[in-house]
Amino acid sequence: MNVSESTALTEAVLTGLGIGQIFRFSARAHLGTGQLVPILEDWTQPSHPIQLVYPATRHPSAKLRAFADWAVELFSREDCKPG
């Protein structure tokens, strides 16, 4: 099964459609309740780059800069990595 949205993958695994590689933040609550059980903990896929694309300007707006800084911080956290 191939999905393009992490929540759909989590729901598919929770309903018994198989195993999947889910982001830790999506799996955390389900791991705590025992609905999900980690397997192959020593194996992970290589990470994929995420790009933030916006129009080139001399001075990005404060909102854009704040969003970019937030996104960098968020996606560098350990719980946003597959596993």
N, C-alpha and C. Protein backbone atom coordinates (compact mmCIF):
# COMPACT_ATOMS: atom_id res chain seq x y z
N MET A 1 0.84 -1.16 0.00
CA MET A 1 0.00 0.00 0.00
C MET A 1 0.89 1.23 0.00
N ASN A 2 0.52 2.21 -0.79
CA ASN A 2 1.28 3.45 -0.87
C ASN A 2 0.34 4.60 -0.54
N VAL A 3 0.73 5.41 0.40
CA VAL A 3 -0.07 6.58 0.77
C VAL A 3 0.81 7.82 0.71
N SER A 4 0.18 8.96 0.56
CA SER A 4 0.94 10.20 0.47
C SER A 4 0.71 11.09 1.69
N GLU A 5 0.17 10.53 2.73
CA GLU A 5 -0.13 11.32 3.93
C GLU A 5 0.10 10.45 5.15
N SER A 6 0.86 10.94 6.12
CA SER A 6 1.29 10.12 7.24
C SER A 6 0.14 9.65 8.12
N THR A 7 -0.90 10.44 8.25
CA THR A 7 -2.05 10.01 9.06
C THR A 7 -2.74 8.81 8.43
N ALA A 8 -2.82 8.79 7.11
CA ALA A 8 -3.42 7.65 6.41
C ALA A 8 -2.62 6.38 6.66
N LEU A 9 -1.30 6.50 6.65
CA LEU A 9 -0.47 5.33 6.93
C LEU A 9 -0.67 4.85 8.36
N THR A 10 -0.70 5.76 9.30
CA THR A 10 -0.93 5.38 10.70
C THR A 10 -2.26 4.67 10.85
N GLU A 11 -3.31 5.20 10.25
CA GLU A 11 -4.64 4.56 10.33
C GLU A 11 -4.65 3.19 9.67
N ALA A 12 -3.95 3.05 8.55
CA ALA A 12 -3.89 1.75 7.87
C ALA A 12 -3.22 0.71 8.76
N VAL A 13 -2.12 1.08 9.40
CA VAL A 13 -1.43 0.15 10.28
C VAL A 13 -2.30 -0.18 11.50
N LEU A 14 -2.96 0.83 12.06
CA LEU A 14 -3.82 0.60 13.23
C LEU A 14 -5.00 -0.32 12.91
N THR A 15 -5.48 -0.29 11.68
CA THR A 15 -6.60 -1.16 11.31
C THR A 15 -6.16 -2.55 10.87
N GLY A 16 -4.85 -2.81 10.93
CA GLY A 16 -4.36 -4.15 10.67
C GLY A 16 -4.00 -4.44 9.23
N LEU A 17 -3.75 -3.41 8.43
CA LEU A 17 -3.43 -3.64 7.02
C LEU A 17 -1.98 -4.01 6.79
N GLY A 18 -1.18 -4.07 7.84
CA GLY A 18 0.22 -4.46 7.68
C GLY A 18 1.12 -3.66 8.60
N ILE A 19 2.40 -3.64 8.25
CA ILE A 19 3.38 -2.87 9.01
C ILE A 19 3.73 -1.62 8.22
N GLY A 20 4.26 -0.63 8.89
CA GLY A 20 4.64 0.59 8.19
C GLY A 20 5.68 1.35 8.97
N GLN A 21 6.37 2.22 8.27
CA GLN A 21 7.36 3.09 8.90
C GLN A 21 6.68 4.43 9.14
N ILE A 22 6.44 4.71 10.41
CA ILE A 22 5.64 5.87 10.81
C ILE A 22 6.52 6.84 11.60
N PHE A 23 6.27 8.12 11.41
CA PHE A 23 6.99 9.12 12.21
C PHE A 23 6.69 8.90 13.69
N ARG A 24 7.69 9.11 14.51
CA ARG A 24 7.52 8.89 15.95
C ARG A 24 6.40 9.73 16.54
N PHE A 25 6.26 10.99 16.09
CA PHE A 25 5.21 11.83 16.66
C PHE A 25 3.82 11.29 16.33
N SER A 26 3.67 10.59 15.21
CA SER A 26 2.38 9.99 14.86
C SER A 26 2.12 8.71 15.65
N ALA A 27 3.18 8.01 15.98
CA ALA A 27 3.04 6.71 16.64
C ALA A 27 3.07 6.79 18.16
N ARG A 28 3.57 7.88 18.72
CA ARG A 28 3.83 7.97 20.16
C ARG A 28 2.64 7.53 21.01
N ALA A 29 1.48 8.09 20.79
CA ALA A 29 0.31 7.76 21.62
C ALA A 29 -0.08 6.29 21.47
N HIS A 30 0.03 5.77 20.27
CA HIS A 30 -0.36 4.38 20.00
C HIS A 30 0.67 3.39 20.56
N LEU A 31 1.92 3.81 20.61
CA LEU A 31 2.94 2.97 21.25
C LEU A 31 2.69 2.90 22.75
N GLY A 32 2.27 4.03 23.32
CA GLY A 32 2.00 4.08 24.76
C GLY A 32 0.84 3.20 25.18
N THR A 33 -0.15 3.04 24.30
CA THR A 33 -1.32 2.22 24.63
C THR A 33 -1.13 0.76 24.23
N GLY A 34 -0.08 0.48 23.47
CA GLY A 34 0.14 -0.88 23.02
C GLY A 34 -0.55 -1.20 21.70
N GLN A 35 -1.22 -0.22 21.10
CA GLN A 35 -1.87 -0.45 19.81
C GLN A 35 -0.83 -0.69 18.72
N LEU A 36 0.32 -0.06 18.87
CA LEU A 36 1.43 -0.28 17.95
C LEU A 36 2.62 -0.81 18.73
N VAL A 37 3.39 -1.67 18.08
CA VAL A 37 4.57 -2.26 18.70
C VAL A 37 5.74 -2.05 17.74
N PRO A 38 6.84 -1.49 18.22
CA PRO A 38 7.98 -1.28 17.32
C PRO A 38 8.64 -2.61 16.93
N ILE A 39 9.02 -2.69 15.67
CA ILE A 39 9.81 -3.82 15.16
C ILE A 39 10.94 -3.24 14.31
N LEU A 40 11.93 -4.04 14.04
CA LEU A 40 13.07 -3.61 13.22
C LEU A 40 13.63 -2.27 13.69
N GLU A 41 13.81 -2.12 14.99
CA GLU A 41 14.23 -0.83 15.55
C GLU A 41 15.62 -0.40 15.11
N ASP A 42 16.46 -1.32 14.68
CA ASP A 42 17.81 -0.97 14.25
C ASP A 42 17.87 -0.57 12.78
N TRP A 43 16.75 -0.63 12.08
CA TRP A 43 16.72 -0.34 10.65
C TRP A 43 15.90 0.92 10.39
N THR A 44 16.45 1.82 9.61
CA THR A 44 15.71 3.01 9.18
C THR A 44 16.05 3.29 7.73
N GLN A 45 15.20 4.04 7.10
CA GLN A 45 15.48 4.48 5.74
C GLN A 45 16.31 5.76 5.80
N PRO A 46 17.04 6.04 4.72
CA PRO A 46 17.76 7.31 4.68
C PRO A 46 16.76 8.47 4.73
N SER A 47 17.17 9.57 5.32
CA SER A 47 16.27 10.72 5.38
C SER A 47 16.17 11.37 4.00
N HIS A 48 15.06 12.05 3.79
CA HIS A 48 14.82 12.76 2.53
C HIS A 48 14.79 14.26 2.83
N PRO A 49 15.41 15.04 1.99
CA PRO A 49 15.43 16.49 2.25
C PRO A 49 14.03 17.09 2.08
N ILE A 50 13.76 18.09 2.87
CA ILE A 50 12.55 18.87 2.74
C ILE A 50 12.98 20.27 2.33
N GLN A 51 12.31 20.81 1.34
CA GLN A 51 12.69 22.13 0.86
C GLN A 51 11.55 23.11 1.07
N LEU A 52 11.89 24.30 1.49
CA LEU A 52 10.96 25.40 1.63
C LEU A 52 11.23 26.35 0.47
N VAL A 53 10.25 26.50 -0.41
CA VAL A 53 10.42 27.32 -1.60
C VAL A 53 9.54 28.55 -1.48
N TYR A 54 10.12 29.70 -1.70
CA TYR A 54 9.37 30.95 -1.65
C TYR A 54 10.00 31.94 -2.63
N PRO A 55 9.25 32.95 -3.05
CA PRO A 55 9.79 33.91 -4.02
C PRO A 55 11.02 34.63 -3.47
N ALA A 56 11.98 34.83 -4.32
CA ALA A 56 13.20 35.53 -3.91
C ALA A 56 12.90 37.02 -3.72
N THR A 57 13.23 37.50 -2.57
CA THR A 57 13.13 38.94 -2.29
C THR A 57 14.36 39.34 -1.50
N ARG A 58 14.63 40.59 -1.47
CA ARG A 58 15.79 41.04 -0.71
C ARG A 58 15.59 40.83 0.78
N HIS A 59 14.36 41.06 1.23
CA HIS A 59 14.08 40.98 2.66
C HIS A 59 12.82 40.14 2.88
N PRO A 60 12.97 38.86 3.21
CA PRO A 60 11.78 38.05 3.48
C PRO A 60 10.98 38.66 4.64
N SER A 61 9.67 38.51 4.58
CA SER A 61 8.83 39.06 5.63
C SER A 61 9.13 38.37 6.96
N ALA A 62 8.75 39.03 8.02
CA ALA A 62 8.95 38.46 9.36
C ALA A 62 8.17 37.16 9.51
N LYS A 63 6.97 37.11 8.91
CA LYS A 63 6.15 35.89 8.98
C LYS A 63 6.84 34.73 8.26
N LEU A 64 7.39 35.00 7.08
CA LEU A 64 8.09 33.95 6.34
C LEU A 64 9.32 33.49 7.10
N ARG A 65 10.09 34.41 7.63
CA ARG A 65 11.28 34.04 8.40
C ARG A 65 10.91 33.22 9.63
N ALA A 66 9.85 33.63 10.33
CA ALA A 66 9.40 32.89 11.51
C ALA A 66 8.96 31.48 11.13
N PHE A 67 8.23 31.35 10.02
CA PHE A 67 7.79 30.03 9.58
C PHE A 67 8.99 29.17 9.21
N ALA A 68 9.93 29.72 8.47
CA ALA A 68 11.12 28.96 8.06
C ALA A 68 11.91 28.49 9.28
N ASP A 69 12.09 29.37 10.24
CA ASP A 69 12.82 29.00 11.46
C ASP A 69 12.08 27.90 12.22
N TRP A 70 10.75 28.02 12.31
CA TRP A 70 9.93 27.02 12.99
C TRP A 70 10.04 25.66 12.27
N ALA A 71 9.95 25.67 10.94
CA ALA A 71 10.01 24.42 10.17
C ALA A 71 11.36 23.74 10.34
N VAL A 72 12.43 24.51 10.30
CA VAL A 72 13.77 23.93 10.48
C VAL A 72 13.88 23.29 11.86
N GLU A 73 13.41 23.98 12.88
CA GLU A 73 13.47 23.44 14.24
C GLU A 73 12.61 22.18 14.37
N LEU A 74 11.40 22.24 13.83
CA LEU A 74 10.47 21.12 13.93
C LEU A 74 11.01 19.87 13.26
N PHE A 75 11.44 20.00 12.02
CA PHE A 75 11.86 18.82 11.28
C PHE A 75 13.26 18.33 11.64
N SER A 76 13.98 19.06 12.46
CA SER A 76 15.27 18.56 12.94
C SER A 76 15.11 17.80 14.25
N ARG A 77 13.92 17.84 14.86
CA ARG A 77 13.69 17.12 16.10
C ARG A 77 13.72 15.61 15.86
N GLU A 78 14.15 14.89 16.84
CA GLU A 78 14.26 13.43 16.75
C GLU A 78 12.91 12.78 16.49
N ASP A 79 11.82 13.31 17.07
CA ASP A 79 10.53 12.65 16.92
C ASP A 79 9.87 12.92 15.57
N CYS A 80 10.50 13.72 14.73
CA CYS A 80 9.97 13.94 13.38
C CYS A 80 10.69 13.08 12.36
N LYS A 81 11.56 12.23 12.82
CA LYS A 81 12.28 11.34 11.93
C LYS A 81 11.56 10.00 11.88
N PRO A 82 11.63 9.29 10.75
CA PRO A 82 10.97 7.98 10.68
C PRO A 82 11.53 7.03 11.71
N GLY A 83 10.72 6.08 12.08
CA GLY A 83 11.23 5.09 13.02
C GLY A 83 10.26 4.44 13.82
